[in-house]
Amino acid sequence: MGGELGAYTEMMNAARELATQRMEAEAASLGADAVVNVRYTTSAVMQGAAEVMAYGTAVKFK
Protein backbone atom coordinates (compact mmCIF):
# COMPACT_ATOMS: atom_id res chain seq x y z
CA MET A 1 0.00 0.00 0.00
CA GLY A 2 1.04 3.58 -0.37
CA GLY A 3 1.78 5.96 -3.16
CA GLU A 4 -0.04 8.90 -4.61
CA LEU A 5 -3.73 8.80 -5.47
CA GLY A 6 -3.60 10.59 -8.81
CA ALA A 7 -7.30 11.42 -9.14
CA TYR A 8 -7.46 12.70 -5.56
CA THR A 9 -4.36 14.86 -6.10
CA GLU A 10 -5.89 16.35 -9.24
CA MET A 11 -9.16 17.04 -7.43
CA MET A 12 -7.36 18.78 -4.55
CA ASN A 13 -5.28 20.86 -6.99
CA ALA A 14 -8.47 21.95 -8.76
CA ALA A 15 -10.11 22.79 -5.42
CA ARG A 16 -7.07 24.84 -4.37
CA GLU A 17 -7.15 26.72 -7.69
CA LEU A 18 -10.87 27.45 -7.29
CA ALA A 19 -10.36 28.65 -3.70
CA THR A 20 -7.55 30.94 -4.91
CA GLN A 21 -9.73 32.39 -7.68
CA ARG A 22 -12.56 33.06 -5.23
CA MET A 23 -10.17 34.73 -2.78
CA GLU A 24 -8.74 36.92 -5.55
CA ALA A 25 -12.23 37.88 -6.74
CA GLU A 26 -13.27 38.84 -3.20
CA ALA A 27 -10.13 40.95 -2.81
CA ALA A 28 -10.79 42.67 -6.16
CA SER A 29 -14.37 43.45 -5.11
CA LEU A 30 -12.92 45.20 -2.05
CA GLY A 31 -10.64 47.30 -4.26
CA ALA A 32 -7.46 45.48 -3.29
CA ASP A 33 -4.37 45.47 -5.49
CA ALA A 34 -2.98 42.21 -4.14
CA VAL A 35 -3.39 39.44 -1.60
CA VAL A 36 -0.47 38.71 0.70
CA ASN A 37 0.28 36.09 3.33
CA VAL A 38 -1.77 33.49 1.48
CA ARG A 39 -2.29 30.17 3.24
CA TYR A 40 -4.40 27.11 2.60
CA THR A 41 -6.12 24.66 4.88
CA THR A 42 -7.90 21.44 4.12
CA SER A 43 -10.54 19.69 6.13
CA ALA A 44 -12.26 16.35 5.77
CA VAL A 45 -15.98 17.07 5.52
CA MET A 46 -17.14 13.46 5.42
CA GLN A 47 -15.91 10.09 4.23
CA GLY A 48 -14.33 10.65 0.81
CA ALA A 49 -14.91 14.43 0.77
CA ALA A 50 -12.66 17.33 1.70
CA GLU A 51 -12.72 21.10 1.45
CA VAL A 52 -9.93 23.55 0.68
CA MET A 53 -9.93 27.04 2.16
CA ALA A 54 -7.71 29.91 1.04
CA TYR A 55 -6.90 32.76 3.42
CA GLY A 56 -4.96 35.94 2.80
CA THR A 57 -4.78 39.64 3.49
CA ALA A 58 -6.09 41.99 0.82
CA VAL A 59 -3.86 45.07 0.43
CA LYS A 60 -4.13 48.37 -1.43
CA PHE A 61 -0.99 50.11 -2.67
CA LYS A 62 -0.66 53.86 -2.18
PDB file of N, CA and C in Angstrom:
ATOM      1  N   MET A   1       0.848  -1.178   0.000  1.00  0.00           N
ATOM      2  CA  MET A   1       0.000   0.000   0.000  1.00  0.00           C
ATOM      3  C   MET A   1       0.884   1.229   0.000  1.00  0.00           C
ATOM      4  N   GLY A   2       0.304   2.315  -0.373  1.00  0.00           N
ATOM      5  CA  GLY A   2       1.037   3.576  -0.375  1.00  0.00           C
ATOM      6  C   GLY A   2       1.052   4.171  -1.764  1.00  0.00           C
ATOM      7  N   GLY A   3       1.685   5.283  -1.881  1.00  0.00           N
ATOM      8  CA  GLY A   3       1.785   5.958  -3.164  1.00  0.00           C
ATOM      9  C   GLY A   3       0.771   7.075  -3.273  1.00  0.00           C
ATOM     10  N   GLU A   4       0.841   7.757  -4.366  1.00  0.00           N
ATOM     11  CA  GLU A   4      -0.038   8.902  -4.607  1.00  0.00           C
ATOM     12  C   GLU A   4      -1.332   8.459  -5.273  1.00  0.00           C
ATOM     13  N   LEU A   5      -2.434   9.031  -4.833  1.00  0.00           N
ATOM     14  CA  LEU A   5      -3.729   8.799  -5.471  1.00  0.00           C
ATOM     15  C   LEU A   5      -3.920   9.899  -6.506  1.00  0.00           C
ATOM     16  N   GLY A   6      -3.617   9.587  -7.745  1.00  0.00           N
ATOM     17  CA  GLY A   6      -3.597  10.592  -8.809  1.00  0.00           C
ATOM     18  C   GLY A   6      -4.882  11.389  -8.942  1.00  0.00           C
ATOM     19  N   ALA A   7      -6.017  10.722  -8.976  1.00  0.00           N
ATOM     20  CA  ALA A   7      -7.295  11.419  -9.145  1.00  0.00           C
ATOM     21  C   ALA A   7      -7.576  12.336  -7.960  1.00  0.00           C
ATOM     22  N   TYR A   8      -7.232  11.883  -6.760  1.00  0.00           N
ATOM     23  CA  TYR A   8      -7.457  12.697  -5.559  1.00  0.00           C
ATOM     24  C   TYR A   8      -6.547  13.926  -5.576  1.00  0.00           C
ATOM     25  N   THR A   9      -5.300  13.736  -5.992  1.00  0.00           N
ATOM     26  CA  THR A   9      -4.362  14.858  -6.095  1.00  0.00           C
ATOM     27  C   THR A   9      -4.868  15.891  -7.089  1.00  0.00           C
ATOM     28  N   GLU A  10      -5.352  15.431  -8.232  1.00  0.00           N
ATOM     29  CA  GLU A  10      -5.890  16.349  -9.242  1.00  0.00           C
ATOM     30  C   GLU A  10      -7.103  17.101  -8.706  1.00  0.00           C
ATOM     31  N   MET A  11      -7.977  16.397  -7.991  1.00  0.00           N
ATOM     32  CA  MET A  11      -9.164  17.040  -7.430  1.00  0.00           C
ATOM     33  C   MET A  11      -8.759  18.111  -6.411  1.00  0.00           C
ATOM     34  N   MET A  12      -7.789  17.812  -5.565  1.00  0.00           N
ATOM     35  CA  MET A  12      -7.359  18.777  -4.551  1.00  0.00           C
ATOM     36  C   MET A  12      -6.665  19.974  -5.201  1.00  0.00           C
ATOM     37  N   ASN A  13      -5.899  19.746  -6.257  1.00  0.00           N
ATOM     38  CA  ASN A  13      -5.284  20.858  -6.985  1.00  0.00           C
ATOM     39  C   ASN A  13      -6.343  21.760  -7.598  1.00  0.00           C
ATOM     40  N   ALA A  14      -7.379  21.162  -8.178  1.00  0.00           N
ATOM     41  CA  ALA A  14      -8.467  21.952  -8.761  1.00  0.00           C
ATOM     42  C   ALA A  14      -9.209  22.725  -7.678  1.00  0.00           C
ATOM     43  N   ALA A  15      -9.429  22.107  -6.532  1.00  0.00           N
ATOM     44  CA  ALA A  15     -10.111  22.786  -5.424  1.00  0.00           C
ATOM     45  C   ALA A  15      -9.274  23.951  -4.917  1.00  0.00           C
ATOM     46  N   ARG A  16      -7.952  23.757  -4.822  1.00  0.00           N
ATOM     47  CA  ARG A  16      -7.071  24.841  -4.375  1.00  0.00           C
ATOM     48  C   ARG A  16      -7.091  26.005  -5.375  1.00  0.00           C
ATOM     49  N   GLU A  17      -7.088  25.682  -6.660  1.00  0.00           N
ATOM     50  CA  GLU A  17      -7.148  26.719  -7.687  1.00  0.00           C
ATOM     51  C   GLU A  17      -8.461  27.498  -7.607  1.00  0.00           C
ATOM     52  N   LEU A  18      -9.576  26.804  -7.417  1.00  0.00           N
ATOM     53  CA  LEU A  18     -10.874  27.455  -7.293  1.00  0.00           C
ATOM     54  C   LEU A  18     -10.915  28.345  -6.049  1.00  0.00           C
ATOM     55  N   ALA A  19     -10.392  27.855  -4.933  1.00  0.00           N
ATOM     56  CA  ALA A  19     -10.357  28.650  -3.703  1.00  0.00           C
ATOM     57  C   ALA A  19      -9.519  29.914  -3.908  1.00  0.00           C
ATOM     58  N   THR A  20      -8.413  29.785  -4.629  1.00  0.00           N
ATOM     59  CA  THR A  20      -7.555  30.941  -4.906  1.00  0.00           C
ATOM     60  C   THR A  20      -8.296  31.958  -5.778  1.00  0.00           C
ATOM     61  N   GLN A  21      -8.972  31.488  -6.802  1.00  0.00           N
ATOM     62  CA  GLN A  21      -9.725  32.391  -7.678  1.00  0.00           C
ATOM     63  C   GLN A  21     -10.814  33.129  -6.904  1.00  0.00           C
ATOM     64  N   ARG A  22     -11.508  32.427  -6.025  1.00  0.00           N
ATOM     65  CA  ARG A  22     -12.562  33.065  -5.227  1.00  0.00           C
ATOM     66  C   ARG A  22     -11.977  34.105  -4.279  1.00  0.00           C
ATOM     67  N   MET A  23     -10.828  33.789  -3.676  1.00  0.00           N
ATOM     68  CA  MET A  23     -10.175  34.735  -2.781  1.00  0.00           C
ATOM     69  C   MET A  23      -9.742  35.979  -3.555  1.00  0.00           C
ATOM     70  N   GLU A  24      -9.157  35.801  -4.729  1.00  0.00           N
ATOM     71  CA  GLU A  24      -8.739  36.925  -5.552  1.00  0.00           C
ATOM     72  C   GLU A  24      -9.936  37.777  -5.984  1.00  0.00           C
ATOM     73  N   ALA A  25     -11.032  37.141  -6.339  1.00  0.00           N
ATOM     74  CA  ALA A  25     -12.234  37.880  -6.740  1.00  0.00           C
ATOM     75  C   ALA A  25     -12.785  38.693  -5.579  1.00  0.00           C
ATOM     76  N   GLU A  26     -12.788  38.114  -4.390  1.00  0.00           N
ATOM     77  CA  GLU A  26     -13.265  38.843  -3.205  1.00  0.00           C
ATOM     78  C   GLU A  26     -12.368  40.031  -2.916  1.00  0.00           C
ATOM     79  N   ALA A  27     -11.063  39.851  -3.034  1.00  0.00           N
ATOM     80  CA  ALA A  27     -10.127  40.955  -2.813  1.00  0.00           C
ATOM     81  C   ALA A  27     -10.343  42.058  -3.848  1.00  0.00           C
ATOM     82  N   ALA A  28     -10.552  41.680  -5.102  1.00  0.00           N
ATOM     83  CA  ALA A  28     -10.793  42.669  -6.157  1.00  0.00           C
ATOM     84  C   ALA A  28     -12.077  43.440  -5.893  1.00  0.00           C
ATOM     85  N   SER A  29     -13.105  42.763  -5.394  1.00  0.00           N
ATOM     86  CA  SER A  29     -14.372  43.448  -5.113  1.00  0.00           C
ATOM     87  C   SER A  29     -14.214  44.457  -3.970  1.00  0.00           C
ATOM     88  N   LEU A  30     -13.200  44.256  -3.142  1.00  0.00           N
ATOM     89  CA  LEU A  30     -12.915  45.196  -2.048  1.00  0.00           C
ATOM     90  C   LEU A  30     -11.988  46.326  -2.490  1.00  0.00           C
ATOM     91  N   GLY A  31     -11.538  46.267  -3.744  1.00  0.00           N
ATOM     92  CA  GLY A  31     -10.642  47.300  -4.263  1.00  0.00           C
ATOM     93  C   GLY A  31      -9.177  47.031  -3.977  1.00  0.00           C
ATOM     94  N   ALA A  32      -8.843  45.814  -3.619  1.00  0.00           N
ATOM     95  CA  ALA A  32      -7.459  45.477  -3.292  1.00  0.00           C
ATOM     96  C   ALA A  32      -6.614  45.366  -4.559  1.00  0.00           C
ATOM     97  N   ASP A  33      -5.328  45.627  -4.395  1.00  0.00           N
ATOM     98  CA  ASP A  33      -4.370  45.470  -5.488  1.00  0.00           C
ATOM     99  C   ASP A  33      -3.680  44.116  -5.452  1.00  0.00           C
ATOM    100  N   ALA A  34      -3.663  43.491  -4.293  1.00  0.00           N
ATOM    101  CA  ALA A  34      -2.976  42.210  -4.139  1.00  0.00           C
ATOM    102  C   ALA A  34      -3.487  41.496  -2.900  1.00  0.00           C
ATOM    103  N   VAL A  35      -3.122  40.235  -2.805  1.00  0.00           N
ATOM    104  CA  VAL A  35      -3.390  39.441  -1.604  1.00  0.00           C
ATOM    105  C   VAL A  35      -2.041  38.918  -1.122  1.00  0.00           C
ATOM    106  N   VAL A  36      -1.740  39.151   0.135  1.00  0.00           N
ATOM    107  CA  VAL A  36      -0.467  38.708   0.702  1.00  0.00           C
ATOM    108  C   VAL A  36      -0.718  37.725   1.834  1.00  0.00           C
ATOM    109  N   ASN A  37       0.341  37.051   2.232  1.00  0.00           N
ATOM    110  CA  ASN A  37       0.284  36.094   3.333  1.00  0.00           C
ATOM    111  C   ASN A  37      -0.786  35.019   3.082  1.00  0.00           C
ATOM    112  N   VAL A  38      -0.778  34.486   1.873  1.00  0.00           N
ATOM    113  CA  VAL A  38      -1.774  33.486   1.484  1.00  0.00           C
ATOM    114  C   VAL A  38      -1.433  32.149   2.133  1.00  0.00           C
ATOM    115  N   ARG A  39      -2.450  31.495   2.653  1.00  0.00           N
ATOM    116  CA  ARG A  39      -2.288  30.169   3.240  1.00  0.00           C
ATOM    117  C   ARG A  39      -3.518  29.333   2.911  1.00  0.00           C
ATOM    118  N   TYR A  40      -3.327  28.048   2.934  1.00  0.00           N
ATOM    119  CA  TYR A  40      -4.399  27.110   2.599  1.00  0.00           C
ATOM    120  C   TYR A  40      -4.591  26.127   3.745  1.00  0.00           C
ATOM    121  N   THR A  41      -5.825  25.731   3.941  1.00  0.00           N
ATOM    122  CA  THR A  41      -6.123  24.659   4.880  1.00  0.00           C
ATOM    123  C   THR A  41      -7.053  23.685   4.193  1.00  0.00           C
ATOM    124  N   THR A  42      -6.975  22.448   4.609  1.00  0.00           N
ATOM    125  CA  THR A  42      -7.898  21.439   4.119  1.00  0.00           C
ATOM    126  C   THR A  42      -8.573  20.784   5.311  1.00  0.00           C
ATOM    127  N   SER A  43      -9.769  20.317   5.070  1.00  0.00           N
ATOM    128  CA  SER A  43     -10.537  19.687   6.133  1.00  0.00           C
ATOM    129  C   SER A  43     -11.377  18.577   5.532  1.00  0.00           C
ATOM    130  N   ALA A  44     -11.406  17.445   6.205  1.00  0.00           N
ATOM    131  CA  ALA A  44     -12.262  16.345   5.775  1.00  0.00           C
ATOM    132  C   ALA A  44     -13.690  16.662   6.206  1.00  0.00           C
ATOM    133  N   VAL A  45     -14.590  16.746   5.246  1.00  0.00           N
ATOM    134  CA  VAL A  45     -15.981  17.072   5.520  1.00  0.00           C
ATOM    135  C   VAL A  45     -16.755  15.812   5.901  1.00  0.00           C
ATOM    136  N   MET A  46     -16.521  14.752   5.148  1.00  0.00           N
ATOM    137  CA  MET A  46     -17.143  13.455   5.416  1.00  0.00           C
ATOM    138  C   MET A  46     -16.297  12.407   4.714  1.00  0.00           C
ATOM    139  N   GLN A  47     -16.659  11.176   4.858  1.00  0.00           N
ATOM    140  CA  GLN A  47     -15.912  10.094   4.225  1.00  0.00           C
ATOM    141  C   GLN A  47     -15.784  10.346   2.726  1.00  0.00           C
ATOM    142  N   GLY A  48     -14.566  10.477   2.234  1.00  0.00           N
ATOM    143  CA  GLY A  48     -14.333  10.651   0.809  1.00  0.00           C
ATOM    144  C   GLY A  48     -14.521  12.064   0.309  1.00  0.00           C
ATOM    145  N   ALA A  49     -14.721  13.041   1.203  1.00  0.00           N
ATOM    146  CA  ALA A  49     -14.909  14.428   0.772  1.00  0.00           C
ATOM    147  C   ALA A  49     -14.044  15.348   1.620  1.00  0.00           C
ATOM    148  N   ALA A  50     -13.496  16.357   0.993  1.00  0.00           N
ATOM    149  CA  ALA A  50     -12.658  17.326   1.701  1.00  0.00           C
ATOM    150  C   ALA A  50     -12.951  18.711   1.142  1.00  0.00           C
ATOM    151  N   GLU A  51     -12.580  19.725   1.919  1.00  0.00           N
ATOM    152  CA  GLU A  51     -12.716  21.099   1.450  1.00  0.00           C
ATOM    153  C   GLU A  51     -11.361  21.775   1.535  1.00  0.00           C
ATOM    154  N   VAL A  52     -11.155  22.754   0.684  1.00  0.00           N
ATOM    155  CA  VAL A  52      -9.934  23.551   0.679  1.00  0.00           C
ATOM    156  C   VAL A  52     -10.342  24.983   0.922  1.00  0.00           C
ATOM    157  N   MET A  53      -9.658  25.636   1.871  1.00  0.00           N
ATOM    158  CA  MET A  53      -9.930  27.040   2.159  1.00  0.00           C
ATOM    159  C   MET A  53      -8.672  27.853   1.922  1.00  0.00           C
ATOM    160  N   ALA A  54      -8.825  29.011   1.296  1.00  0.00           N
ATOM    161  CA  ALA A  54      -7.706  29.910   1.044  1.00  0.00           C
ATOM    162  C   ALA A  54      -7.908  31.163   1.884  1.00  0.00           C
ATOM    163  N   TYR A  55      -6.861  31.561   2.584  1.00  0.00           N
ATOM    164  CA  TYR A  55      -6.897  32.756   3.415  1.00  0.00           C
ATOM    165  C   TYR A  55      -5.775  33.686   2.978  1.00  0.00           C
ATOM    166  N   GLY A  56      -6.005  34.965   3.097  1.00  0.00           N
ATOM    167  CA  GLY A  56      -4.963  35.944   2.798  1.00  0.00           C
ATOM    168  C   GLY A  56      -5.404  37.318   3.237  1.00  0.00           C
ATOM    169  N   THR A  57      -4.485  38.260   3.126  1.00  0.00           N
ATOM    170  CA  THR A  57      -4.780  39.640   3.490  1.00  0.00           C
ATOM    171  C   THR A  57      -4.809  40.483   2.223  1.00  0.00           C
ATOM    172  N   ALA A  58      -5.947  41.116   1.972  1.00  0.00           N
ATOM    173  CA  ALA A  58      -6.093  41.989   0.816  1.00  0.00           C
ATOM    174  C   ALA A  58      -5.414  43.318   1.137  1.00  0.00           C
ATOM    175  N   VAL A  59      -4.568  43.809   0.203  1.00  0.00           N
ATOM    176  CA  VAL A  59      -3.856  45.070   0.426  1.00  0.00           C
ATOM    177  C   VAL A  59      -4.090  46.022  -0.736  1.00  0.00           C
ATOM    178  N   LYS A  60      -3.991  47.306  -0.427  1.00  0.00           N
ATOM    179  CA  LYS A  60      -4.129  48.372  -1.430  1.00  0.00           C
ATOM    180  C   LYS A  60      -2.840  49.173  -1.418  1.00  0.00           C
ATOM    181  N   PHE A  61      -2.213  49.331  -2.580  1.00  0.00           N
ATOM    182  CA  PHE A  61      -0.986  50.113  -2.673  1.00  0.00           C
ATOM    183  C   PHE A  61      -1.314  51.592  -2.724  1.00  0.00           C
ATOM    184  N   LYS A  62      -0.464  52.389  -2.122  1.00  0.00           N
ATOM    185  CA  LYS A  62      -0.657  53.858  -2.183  1.00  0.00           C
ATOM    186  C   LYS A  62       0.045  54.435  -3.378  1.00  0.00           C
TER     187      LYS A  62
END
